[in-house]
Amino acid sequence: MPRKDGTGSVGAGGCASITRQVERGVGRGRMRGSAIAGLKAYCECSNCGEIAKHLRGVPCTSLKCPKCGMTMNRK
């Protein structure tokens, strides 16, 4: 925008830059941190070592070990 008032040609800085941002994933929800960890996470019993697959949205500390009944922890 030559006059910085909204007039002028779009050129390379207009729609092209928005398209590049969308291609890179800018503005889209991407999996980060705990979401990625939840895909391959396990709950482990600190007493007997029993391992169970972590269920998304369910804290490991709310689960009881099927073998000994103790509280499970995130591995």
PDB file of N, CA and C in Angstrom:
ATOM      1  N   MET A   1       0.836  -1.164   0.000  1.00  0.00           N
ATOM      2  CA  MET A   1       0.000   0.000   0.000  1.00  0.00           C
ATOM      3  C   MET A   1       0.889   1.236   0.000  1.00  0.00           C
ATOM      4  N   PRO A   2       0.946   1.889  -1.111  1.00  0.00           N
ATOM      5  CA  PRO A   2       1.869   3.004  -1.230  1.00  0.00           C
ATOM      6  C   PRO A   2       1.583   4.157  -0.267  1.00  0.00           C
ATOM      7  N   ARG A   3       0.342   4.479  -0.042  1.00  0.00           N
ATOM      8  CA  ARG A   3       0.021   5.626   0.797  1.00  0.00           C
ATOM      9  C   ARG A   3      -0.343   5.236   2.220  1.00  0.00           C
ATOM     10  N   LYS A   4      -0.339   3.976   2.527  1.00  0.00           N
ATOM     11  CA  LYS A   4      -0.675   3.451   3.844  1.00  0.00           C
ATOM     12  C   LYS A   4      -2.053   3.893   4.338  1.00  0.00           C
ATOM     13  N   ASP A   5      -2.957   4.091   3.393  1.00  0.00           N
ATOM     14  CA  ASP A   5      -4.318   4.469   3.757  1.00  0.00           C
ATOM     15  C   ASP A   5      -5.345   3.464   3.238  1.00  0.00           C
ATOM     16  N   GLY A   6      -4.868   2.326   2.800  1.00  0.00           N
ATOM     17  CA  GLY A   6      -5.772   1.291   2.314  1.00  0.00           C
ATOM     18  C   GLY A   6      -5.968   1.318   0.819  1.00  0.00           C
ATOM     19  N   THR A   7      -5.406   2.300   0.138  1.00  0.00           N
ATOM     20  CA  THR A   7      -5.526   2.354  -1.312  1.00  0.00           C
ATOM     21  C   THR A   7      -4.249   1.824  -1.928  1.00  0.00           C
ATOM     22  N   GLY A   8      -4.329   1.459  -3.153  1.00  0.00           N
ATOM     23  CA  GLY A   8      -3.142   0.968  -3.835  1.00  0.00           C
ATOM     24  C   GLY A   8      -3.293  -0.502  -4.171  1.00  0.00           C
ATOM     25  N   SER A   9      -2.331  -1.025  -4.886  1.00  0.00           N
ATOM     26  CA  SER A   9      -2.397  -2.413  -5.320  1.00  0.00           C
ATOM     27  C   SER A   9      -2.068  -3.360  -4.171  1.00  0.00           C
ATOM     28  N   VAL A  10      -2.601  -4.570  -4.278  1.00  0.00           N
ATOM     29  CA  VAL A  10      -2.361  -5.572  -3.252  1.00  0.00           C
ATOM     30  C   VAL A  10      -0.929  -6.060  -3.328  1.00  0.00           C
ATOM     31  N   GLY A  11      -0.454  -6.335  -4.506  1.00  0.00           N
ATOM     32  CA  GLY A  11       0.920  -6.772  -4.699  1.00  0.00           C
ATOM     33  C   GLY A  11       1.223  -8.081  -3.977  1.00  0.00           C
ATOM     34  N   ALA A  12       2.474  -8.295  -3.655  1.00  0.00           N
ATOM     35  CA  ALA A  12       2.904  -9.543  -3.033  1.00  0.00           C
ATOM     36  C   ALA A  12       2.619  -9.589  -1.543  1.00  0.00           C
ATOM     37  N   GLY A  13       2.352  -8.462  -0.928  1.00  0.00           N
ATOM     38  CA  GLY A  13       2.169  -8.429   0.514  1.00  0.00           C
ATOM     39  C   GLY A  13       0.747  -8.694   0.969  1.00  0.00           C
ATOM     40  N   GLY A  14      -0.200  -8.790   0.063  1.00  0.00           N
ATOM     41  CA  GLY A  14      -1.604  -8.950   0.435  1.00  0.00           C
ATOM     42  C   GLY A  14      -2.017 -10.390   0.599  1.00  0.00           C
ATOM     43  N   CYS A  15      -2.746 -10.881  -0.357  1.00  0.00           N
ATOM     44  CA  CYS A  15      -3.303 -12.235  -0.294  1.00  0.00           C
ATOM     45  C   CYS A  15      -2.214 -13.308  -0.289  1.00  0.00           C
ATOM     46  N   ALA A  16      -1.114 -13.035  -0.961  1.00  0.00           N
ATOM     47  CA  ALA A  16      -0.046 -14.038  -1.037  1.00  0.00           C
ATOM     48  C   ALA A  16       0.505 -14.350   0.351  1.00  0.00           C
ATOM     49  N   SER A  17       0.676 -13.304   1.188  1.00  0.00           N
ATOM     50  CA  SER A  17       1.231 -13.558   2.520  1.00  0.00           C
ATOM     51  C   SER A  17       0.241 -14.314   3.395  1.00  0.00           C
ATOM     52  N   ILE A  18      -1.041 -14.047   3.228  1.00  0.00           N
ATOM     53  CA  ILE A  18      -2.066 -14.777   3.984  1.00  0.00           C
ATOM     54  C   ILE A  18      -2.055 -16.245   3.583  1.00  0.00           C
ATOM     55  N   THR A  19      -1.917 -16.508   2.297  1.00  0.00           N
ATOM     56  CA  THR A  19      -1.869 -17.884   1.810  1.00  0.00           C
ATOM     57  C   THR A  19      -0.667 -18.610   2.397  1.00  0.00           C
ATOM     58  N   ARG A  20       0.483 -17.937   2.464  1.00  0.00           N
ATOM     59  CA  ARG A  20       1.671 -18.563   3.038  1.00  0.00           C
ATOM     60  C   ARG A  20       1.477 -18.872   4.519  1.00  0.00           C
ATOM     61  N   GLN A  21       0.798 -17.982   5.227  1.00  0.00           N
ATOM     62  CA  GLN A  21       0.552 -18.211   6.644  1.00  0.00           C
ATOM     63  C   GLN A  21      -0.349 -19.425   6.846  1.00  0.00           C
ATOM     64  N   VAL A  22      -1.364 -19.568   6.022  1.00  0.00           N
ATOM     65  CA  VAL A  22      -2.278 -20.709   6.139  1.00  0.00           C
ATOM     66  C   VAL A  22      -1.536 -22.005   5.818  1.00  0.00           C
ATOM     67  N   GLU A  23      -0.669 -21.975   4.811  1.00  0.00           N
ATOM     68  CA  GLU A  23       0.094 -23.171   4.462  1.00  0.00           C
ATOM     69  C   GLU A  23       1.018 -23.595   5.589  1.00  0.00           C
ATOM     70  N   ARG A  24       1.582 -22.634   6.330  1.00  0.00           N
ATOM     71  CA  ARG A  24       2.462 -22.949   7.444  1.00  0.00           C
ATOM     72  C   ARG A  24       1.687 -23.406   8.669  1.00  0.00           C
ATOM     73  N   GLY A  25       0.387 -23.176   8.715  1.00  0.00           N
ATOM     74  CA  GLY A  25      -0.389 -23.588   9.869  1.00  0.00           C
ATOM     75  C   GLY A  25      -0.639 -22.468  10.858  1.00  0.00           C
ATOM     76  N   VAL A  26      -0.324 -21.223  10.477  1.00  0.00           N
ATOM     77  CA  VAL A  26      -0.564 -20.088  11.364  1.00  0.00           C
ATOM     78  C   VAL A  26      -2.066 -19.912  11.524  1.00  0.00           C
ATOM     79  N   GLY A  27      -2.519 -19.813  12.758  1.00  0.00           N
ATOM     80  CA  GLY A  27      -3.937 -19.610  13.006  1.00  0.00           C
ATOM     81  C   GLY A  27      -4.728 -20.890  13.143  1.00  0.00           C
ATOM     82  N   ARG A  28      -4.098 -21.996  12.963  1.00  0.00           N
ATOM     83  CA  ARG A  28      -4.790 -23.282  13.118  1.00  0.00           C
ATOM     84  C   ARG A  28      -4.378 -23.919  14.424  1.00  0.00           C
ATOM     85  N   GLY A  29      -5.262 -24.697  14.990  1.00  0.00           N
ATOM     86  CA  GLY A  29      -4.916 -25.406  16.213  1.00  0.00           C
ATOM     87  C   GLY A  29      -3.981 -26.557  15.901  1.00  0.00           C
ATOM     88  N   ARG A  30      -2.861 -26.560  16.551  1.00  0.00           N
ATOM     89  CA  ARG A  30      -1.918 -27.660  16.360  1.00  0.00           C
ATOM     90  C   ARG A  30      -1.673 -28.308  17.705  1.00  0.00           C
ATOM     91  N   MET A  31      -1.333 -29.577  17.675  1.00  0.00           N
ATOM     92  CA  MET A  31      -1.114 -30.311  18.913  1.00  0.00           C
ATOM     93  C   MET A  31       0.238 -29.953  19.492  1.00  0.00           C
ATOM     94  N   ARG A  32       0.241 -29.586  20.756  1.00  0.00           N
ATOM     95  CA  ARG A  32       1.477 -29.232  21.442  1.00  0.00           C
ATOM     96  C   ARG A  32       1.466 -29.825  22.834  1.00  0.00           C
ATOM     97  N   GLY A  33       2.621 -29.884  23.428  1.00  0.00           N
ATOM     98  CA  GLY A  33       2.764 -30.222  24.844  1.00  0.00           C
ATOM     99  C   GLY A  33       2.019 -31.457  25.286  1.00  0.00           C
ATOM    100  N   SER A  34       1.086 -31.302  26.212  1.00  0.00           N
ATOM    101  CA  SER A  34       0.409 -32.438  26.827  1.00  0.00           C
ATOM    102  C   SER A  34      -0.472 -33.191  25.845  1.00  0.00           C
ATOM    103  N   ALA A  35      -0.953 -32.515  24.814  1.00  0.00           N
ATOM    104  CA  ALA A  35      -1.775 -33.210  23.828  1.00  0.00           C
ATOM    105  C   ALA A  35      -0.965 -34.266  23.093  1.00  0.00           C
ATOM    106  N   ILE A  36       0.256 -33.937  22.767  1.00  0.00           N
ATOM    107  CA  ILE A  36       1.130 -34.902  22.113  1.00  0.00           C
ATOM    108  C   ILE A  36       1.516 -36.007  23.089  1.00  0.00           C
ATOM    109  N   ALA A  37       1.816 -35.636  24.305  1.00  0.00           N
ATOM    110  CA  ALA A  37       2.207 -36.616  25.308  1.00  0.00           C
ATOM    111  C   ALA A  37       1.075 -37.588  25.600  1.00  0.00           C
ATOM    112  N   GLY A  38      -0.162 -37.146  25.487  1.00  0.00           N
ATOM    113  CA  GLY A  38      -1.308 -38.005  25.775  1.00  0.00           C
ATOM    114  C   GLY A  38      -1.486 -39.122  24.778  1.00  0.00           C
ATOM    115  N   LEU A  39      -0.913 -38.992  23.583  1.00  0.00           N
ATOM    116  CA  LEU A  39      -1.077 -40.013  22.557  1.00  0.00           C
ATOM    117  C   LEU A  39      -0.326 -41.292  22.899  1.00  0.00           C
ATOM    118  N   LYS A  40       0.839 -41.177  23.521  1.00  0.00           N
ATOM    119  CA  LYS A  40       1.649 -42.354  23.820  1.00  0.00           C
ATOM    120  C   LYS A  40       2.008 -42.399  25.297  1.00  0.00           C
ATOM    121  N   ALA A  41       1.120 -41.935  26.141  1.00  0.00           N
ATOM    122  CA  ALA A  41       1.405 -41.887  27.571  1.00  0.00           C
ATOM    123  C   ALA A  41       0.803 -43.101  28.273  1.00  0.00           C
ATOM    124  N   TYR A  42       1.366 -43.407  29.422  1.00  0.00           N
ATOM    125  CA  TYR A  42       0.910 -44.540  30.207  1.00  0.00           C
ATOM    126  C   TYR A  42       0.771 -44.138  31.668  1.00  0.00           C
ATOM    127  N   CYS A  43      -0.067 -44.865  32.367  1.00  0.00           N
ATOM    128  CA  CYS A  43      -0.200 -44.706  33.810  1.00  0.00           C
ATOM    129  C   CYS A  43       0.515 -45.891  34.450  1.00  0.00           C
ATOM    130  N   GLU A  44       1.313 -45.610  35.472  1.00  0.00           N
ATOM    131  CA  GLU A  44       2.111 -46.653  36.105  1.00  0.00           C
ATOM    132  C   GLU A  44       1.849 -46.667  37.610  1.00  0.00           C
ATOM    133  N   CYS A  45       1.745 -47.856  38.173  1.00  0.00           N
ATOM    134  CA  CYS A  45       1.585 -48.013  39.611  1.00  0.00           C
ATOM    135  C   CYS A  45       2.961 -47.891  40.267  1.00  0.00           C
ATOM    136  N   SER A  46       3.051 -46.994  41.251  1.00  0.00           N
ATOM    137  CA  SER A  46       4.335 -46.806  41.917  1.00  0.00           C
ATOM    138  C   SER A  46       4.649 -47.942  42.895  1.00  0.00           C
ATOM    139  N   ASN A  47       3.648 -48.746  43.230  1.00  0.00           N
ATOM    140  CA  ASN A  47       3.837 -49.836  44.182  1.00  0.00           C
ATOM    141  C   ASN A  47       4.311 -51.120  43.490  1.00  0.00           C
ATOM    142  N   CYS A  48       3.547 -51.586  42.498  1.00  0.00           N
ATOM    143  CA  CYS A  48       3.875 -52.870  41.869  1.00  0.00           C
ATOM    144  C   CYS A  48       4.416 -52.740  40.442  1.00  0.00           C
ATOM    145  N   GLY A  49       4.345 -51.539  39.839  1.00  0.00           N
ATOM    146  CA  GLY A  49       4.884 -51.349  38.493  1.00  0.00           C
ATOM    147  C   GLY A  49       3.926 -51.694  37.369  1.00  0.00           C
ATOM    148  N   GLU A  50       2.680 -51.989  37.662  1.00  0.00           N
ATOM    149  CA  GLU A  50       1.673 -52.288  36.632  1.00  0.00           C
ATOM    150  C   GLU A  50       1.507 -51.076  35.723  1.00  0.00           C
ATOM    151  N   ILE A  51       1.420 -51.310  34.407  1.00  0.00           N
ATOM    152  CA  ILE A  51       1.297 -50.235  33.427  1.00  0.00           C
ATOM    153  C   ILE A  51      -0.041 -50.357  32.712  1.00  0.00           C
ATOM    154  N   ALA A  52      -0.737 -49.219  32.570  1.00  0.00           N
ATOM    155  CA  ALA A  52      -1.997 -49.163  31.841  1.00  0.00           C
ATOM    156  C   ALA A  52      -1.947 -47.987  30.881  1.00  0.00           C
ATOM    157  N   LYS A  53      -2.623 -48.090  29.743  1.00  0.00           N
ATOM    158  CA  LYS A  53      -2.647 -47.011  28.771  1.00  0.00           C
ATOM    159  C   LYS A  53      -3.389 -45.817  29.357  1.00  0.00           C
ATOM    160  N   HIS A  54      -2.829 -44.614  29.165  1.00  0.00           N
ATOM    161  CA  HIS A  54      -3.452 -43.388  29.657  1.00  0.00           C
ATOM    162  C   HIS A  54      -4.671 -43.060  28.803  1.00  0.00           C
ATOM    163  N   LEU A  55      -5.786 -42.766  29.448  1.00  0.00           N
ATOM    164  CA  LEU A  55      -6.994 -42.369  28.750  1.00  0.00           C
ATOM    165  C   LEU A  55      -7.071 -40.854  28.729  1.00  0.00           C
ATOM    166  N   ARG A  56      -7.271 -40.286  27.548  1.00  0.00           N
ATOM    167  CA  ARG A  56      -7.318 -38.840  27.391  1.00  0.00           C
ATOM    168  C   ARG A  56      -8.456 -38.253  28.211  1.00  0.00           C
ATOM    169  N   GLY A  57      -8.150 -37.235  28.998  1.00  0.00           N
ATOM    170  CA  GLY A  57      -9.148 -36.564  29.818  1.00  0.00           C
ATOM    171  C   GLY A  57      -9.348 -37.182  31.177  1.00  0.00           C
ATOM    172  N   VAL A  58      -8.698 -38.298  31.441  1.00  0.00           N
ATOM    173  CA  VAL A  58      -8.809 -38.973  32.737  1.00  0.00           C
ATOM    174  C   VAL A  58      -7.444 -38.925  33.418  1.00  0.00           C
ATOM    175  N   PRO A  59      -7.315 -38.208  34.535  1.00  0.00           N
ATOM    176  CA  PRO A  59      -6.025 -38.161  35.216  1.00  0.00           C
ATOM    177  C   PRO A  59      -5.608 -39.535  35.737  1.00  0.00           C
ATOM    178  N   CYS A  60      -4.342 -39.850  35.600  1.00  0.00           N
ATOM    179  CA  CYS A  60      -3.834 -41.137  36.090  1.00  0.00           C
ATOM    180  C   CYS A  60      -4.031 -41.271  37.593  1.00  0.00           C
ATOM    181  N   THR A  61      -3.970 -40.156  38.304  1.00  0.00           N
ATOM    182  CA  THR A  61      -4.110 -40.205  39.760  1.00  0.00           C
ATOM    183  C   THR A  61      -5.524 -40.570  40.201  1.00  0.00           C
ATOM    184  N   SER A  62      -6.483 -40.519  39.280  1.00  0.00           N
ATOM    185  CA  SER A  62      -7.840 -40.919  39.633  1.00  0.00           C
ATOM    186  C   SER A  62      -8.075 -42.418  39.403  1.00  0.00           C
ATOM    187  N   LEU A  63      -7.100 -43.099  38.810  1.00  0.00           N
ATOM    188  CA  LEU A  63      -7.211 -44.533  38.543  1.00  0.00           C
ATOM    189  C   LEU A  63      -6.557 -45.338  39.653  1.00  0.00           C
ATOM    190  N   LYS A  64      -7.115 -46.500  39.915  1.00  0.00           N
ATOM    191  CA  LYS A  64      -6.547 -47.435  40.889  1.00  0.00           C
ATOM    192  C   LYS A  64      -5.917 -48.595  40.132  1.00  0.00           C
ATOM    193  N   CYS A  65      -4.825 -49.091  40.655  1.00  0.00           N
ATOM    194  CA  CYS A  65      -4.125 -50.213  40.045  1.00  0.00           C
ATOM    195  C   CYS A  65      -5.012 -51.455  40.100  1.00  0.00           C
ATOM    196  N   PRO A  66      -5.165 -52.179  38.986  1.00  0.00           N
ATOM    197  CA  PRO A  66      -5.984 -53.395  38.983  1.00  0.00           C
ATOM    198  C   PRO A  66      -5.389 -54.534  39.818  1.00  0.00           C
ATOM    199  N   LYS A  67      -4.066 -54.520  40.045  1.00  0.00           N
ATOM    200  CA  LYS A  67      -3.426 -55.591  40.811  1.00  0.00           C
ATOM    201  C   LYS A  67      -3.448 -55.331  42.314  1.00  0.00           C
ATOM    202  N   CYS A  68      -3.002 -54.122  42.716  1.00  0.00           N
ATOM    203  CA  CYS A  68      -2.828 -53.892  44.156  1.00  0.00           C
ATOM    204  C   CYS A  68      -3.758 -52.818  44.733  1.00  0.00           C
ATOM    205  N   GLY A  69      -4.451 -52.066  43.877  1.00  0.00           N
ATOM    206  CA  GLY A  69      -5.405 -51.070  44.361  1.00  0.00           C
ATOM    207  C   GLY A  69      -4.802 -49.725  44.726  1.00  0.00           C
ATOM    208  N   MET A  70      -3.507 -49.525  44.499  1.00  0.00           N
ATOM    209  CA  MET A  70      -2.868 -48.245  44.810  1.00  0.00           C
ATOM    210  C   MET A  70      -3.158 -47.239  43.684  1.00  0.00           C
ATOM    211  N   THR A  71      -2.901 -45.971  43.947  1.00  0.00           N
ATOM    212  CA  THR A  71      -3.119 -44.910  42.953  1.00  0.00           C
ATOM    213  C   THR A  71      -2.052 -44.984  41.861  1.00  0.00           C
ATOM    214  N   MET A  72      -2.484 -44.786  40.628  1.00  0.00           N
ATOM    215  CA  MET A  72      -1.564 -44.805  39.481  1.00  0.00           C
ATOM    216  C   MET A  72      -0.972 -43.415  39.281  1.00  0.00           C
ATOM    217  N   ASN A  73       0.207 -43.345  38.661  1.00  0.00           N
ATOM    218  CA  ASN A  73       0.890 -42.092  38.348  1.00  0.00           C
ATOM    219  C   ASN A  73       1.191 -42.046  36.862  1.00  0.00           C
ATOM    220  N   ARG A  74       1.321 -40.850  36.295  1.00  0.00           N
ATOM    221  CA  ARG A  74       1.656 -40.686  34.882  1.00  0.00           C
ATOM    222  C   ARG A  74       3.095 -41.068  34.647  1.00  0.00           C
ATOM    223  N   LYS A  75       3.323 -41.850  33.596  1.00  0.00           N
ATOM    224  CA  LYS A  75       4.685 -42.268  33.240  1.00  0.00           C
ATOM    225  C   LYS A  75       5.180 -41.424  32.105  1.00  0.00           C
TER     226      LYS A  75
END
